[in-house]
């Protein structure tokens, strides 16, 4: 296996662990390029480190005990795919939903592209259906 791929996988794990499990926002400056492009399911495509800061702030406010557990980390070329399970307790308003006190658990798949051991592009696909259903008790009709 390519040594750089293994380094990128290790950086990816440390980055997400520091960011979400330890609440260490300094990981953004250390591992993310200033001009990073972020693609995510919760909003529009954005650029810059602020996209990471904003995401962590929204989630850590709504779920102060939020943690991630890595299910799988795969690498190929300059990309790493990390699948993890997110869990936490809804203790504060999140996306205009008042605190419910409910425990949530959902899955995310994150893809990061590296250049010179910095994240320059990030895609996230989250199981927002499970998350929102848990918070609201609303069935979302996906059969339109």
Protein backbone atom coordinates (compact mmCIF):
# COMPACT_ATOMS: atom_id res chain seq x y z
CA UNK A 1 0.00 0.00 0.00
CA UNK A 2 1.19 3.49 -0.85
CA UNK A 3 2.86 5.16 2.13
CA UNK A 4 1.16 8.51 1.38
CA UNK A 5 -2.27 6.84 1.34
CA UNK A 6 -1.57 5.42 4.80
CA UNK A 7 -0.43 8.85 6.03
CA UNK A 8 -3.61 10.44 4.64
CA UNK A 9 -5.78 7.81 6.34
CA UNK A 10 -4.03 8.46 9.64
CA UNK A 11 -4.44 12.25 9.26
CA UNK A 12 -8.12 11.78 8.44
CA UNK A 13 -8.71 9.72 11.59
CA UNK A 14 -6.81 12.13 13.83
CA UNK A 15 -8.60 15.12 12.27
CA UNK A 16 -12.17 13.87 12.76
CA UNK A 17 -11.36 12.40 16.18
CA UNK A 18 -9.85 15.67 17.40
CA UNK A 19 -12.62 17.76 15.90
CA UNK A 20 -15.68 15.84 17.07
CA UNK A 21 -14.61 13.59 19.94
CA UNK A 22 -12.24 16.07 21.58
CA UNK A 23 -13.76 19.36 20.42
CA UNK A 24 -10.33 20.57 19.31
CA UNK A 25 -10.97 23.30 16.74
CA UNK A 26 -7.21 23.78 16.29
CA UNK A 27 -7.33 20.60 14.19
CA UNK A 28 -8.99 22.67 11.45
CA UNK A 29 -5.99 25.00 11.14
CA UNK A 30 -3.58 22.09 11.38
CA UNK A 31 -5.14 19.71 8.85
CA UNK A 32 -7.41 21.77 6.55
CA UNK A 33 -6.24 24.00 3.70
CA UNK A 34 -7.45 27.62 3.89
CA UNK A 35 -9.19 27.30 0.51
CA UNK A 36 -10.87 23.94 1.16
CA UNK A 37 -14.09 23.27 -0.76
CA UNK A 38 -16.80 21.66 1.36
CA UNK A 39 -19.77 19.78 -0.10
CA UNK A 40 -22.35 18.69 2.47
CA UNK A 41 -25.93 17.58 2.86
CA UNK A 42 -26.82 20.21 5.46
CA UNK A 43 -26.15 23.24 3.27
CA UNK A 44 -24.71 24.49 0.03
CA UNK A 45 -21.21 24.09 -1.36
CA UNK A 46 -18.84 26.41 0.45
CA UNK A 47 -15.17 27.17 0.55
CA UNK A 48 -12.76 27.88 3.35
CA UNK A 49 -12.02 26.65 6.83
CA UNK A 50 -15.01 28.59 8.20
CA UNK A 51 -17.31 25.90 6.76
CA UNK A 52 -15.75 23.41 9.21
CA UNK A 53 -15.92 25.84 12.12
CA UNK A 54 -19.60 26.56 11.40
CA UNK A 55 -20.50 22.88 11.13
CA UNK A 56 -18.78 21.92 14.37
CA UNK A 57 -20.36 24.88 16.16
CA UNK A 58 -23.90 23.96 15.05
CA UNK A 59 -23.52 20.29 15.97
CA UNK A 60 -21.66 20.81 19.27
CA UNK A 61 -24.25 23.39 20.39
CA UNK A 62 -27.16 21.09 19.61
CA UNK A 63 -25.42 17.93 20.83
CA UNK A 64 -22.76 18.89 23.41
CA UNK A 65 -21.88 15.23 24.02
CA UNK A 66 -21.59 14.42 20.30
CA UNK A 67 -19.11 11.65 19.51
CA UNK A 68 -18.12 9.72 16.42
CA UNK A 69 -17.08 6.08 16.13
CA UNK A 70 -15.13 5.04 13.05
CA UNK A 71 -16.67 2.12 11.22
CA UNK A 72 -14.27 2.09 8.28
CA UNK A 73 -11.48 4.18 6.75
CA UNK A 74 -10.37 3.49 3.18
CA UNK A 75 -7.84 5.27 1.01
CA UNK A 76 -6.95 5.42 -2.67
CA UNK A 77 -4.73 7.96 -4.36
CA UNK A 78 -5.30 11.38 -2.82
CA UNK A 79 -8.72 10.51 -1.33
CA UNK A 80 -9.77 8.95 1.96
CA UNK A 81 -13.27 7.69 2.77
CA UNK A 82 -14.28 7.59 6.43
CA UNK A 83 -17.57 6.02 7.47
CA UNK A 84 -18.56 6.67 11.04
CA UNK A 85 -21.49 6.55 13.41
CA UNK A 86 -22.44 9.83 15.07
CA UNK A 87 -24.19 9.84 18.44
CA UNK A 88 -25.22 12.42 20.97
CA UNK A 89 -28.03 13.91 23.04
CA UNK A 90 -30.16 16.75 21.65
CA UNK A 91 -29.70 19.26 24.50
CA UNK A 92 -29.99 22.60 22.68
CA UNK A 93 -31.72 23.97 19.58
CA UNK A 94 -30.48 22.34 16.37
CA UNK A 95 -31.62 23.53 12.93
CA UNK A 96 -34.51 25.41 14.59
CA UNK A 97 -35.65 22.29 16.45
CA UNK A 98 -35.86 22.99 20.21
CA UNK A 99 -34.01 20.58 22.50
CA UNK A 100 -35.79 17.26 22.88
CA UNK A 101 -33.38 15.48 25.22
CA UNK A 102 -33.41 12.54 22.80
CA UNK A 103 -30.40 10.42 22.05
CA UNK A 104 -29.59 10.28 18.35
CA UNK A 105 -27.46 7.97 16.28
CA UNK A 106 -26.91 8.16 12.56
CA UNK A 107 -24.25 7.37 9.99
CA UNK A 108 -22.06 9.59 7.86
CA UNK A 109 -19.72 8.93 4.98
CA UNK A 110 -17.00 11.54 4.57
CA UNK A 111 -14.63 11.77 1.63
CA UNK A 112 -11.60 14.00 1.91
CA UNK A 113 -9.09 14.83 -0.80
CA UNK A 114 -5.55 15.66 0.26
CA UNK A 115 -2.80 17.77 -1.23
CA UNK A 116 0.50 17.92 0.65
CA UNK A 117 -1.10 16.33 3.74
CA UNK A 118 -3.83 18.99 4.00
CA UNK A 119 -7.52 18.49 3.30
CA UNK A 120 -8.38 20.50 0.17
CA UNK A 121 -11.84 19.08 -0.56
CA UNK A 122 -14.49 17.44 1.61
CA UNK A 123 -17.76 15.69 0.80
CA UNK A 124 -20.17 14.47 3.45
CA UNK A 125 -23.24 12.29 3.01
CA UNK A 126 -25.18 11.97 6.23
CA UNK A 127 -28.25 9.94 7.08
CA UNK A 128 -30.26 13.09 7.74
CA UNK A 129 -33.49 11.13 7.45
CA UNK A 130 -32.71 9.13 10.61
CA UNK A 131 -31.47 12.20 12.44
CA UNK A 132 -34.49 14.38 11.65
CA UNK A 133 -36.97 11.54 12.23
CA UNK A 134 -35.50 10.94 15.69
CA UNK A 135 -35.73 14.62 16.57
CA UNK A 136 -39.21 15.33 15.19
CA UNK A 137 -41.11 12.01 15.17
CA UNK A 138 -42.24 12.99 11.67
CA UNK A 139 -42.34 10.45 8.91
CA UNK A 140 -40.74 11.96 5.84
CA UNK A 141 -42.39 10.77 2.67
CA UNK A 142 -39.58 9.92 0.28
CA UNK A 143 -41.95 8.42 -2.28
CA UNK A 144 -43.01 11.50 -4.20
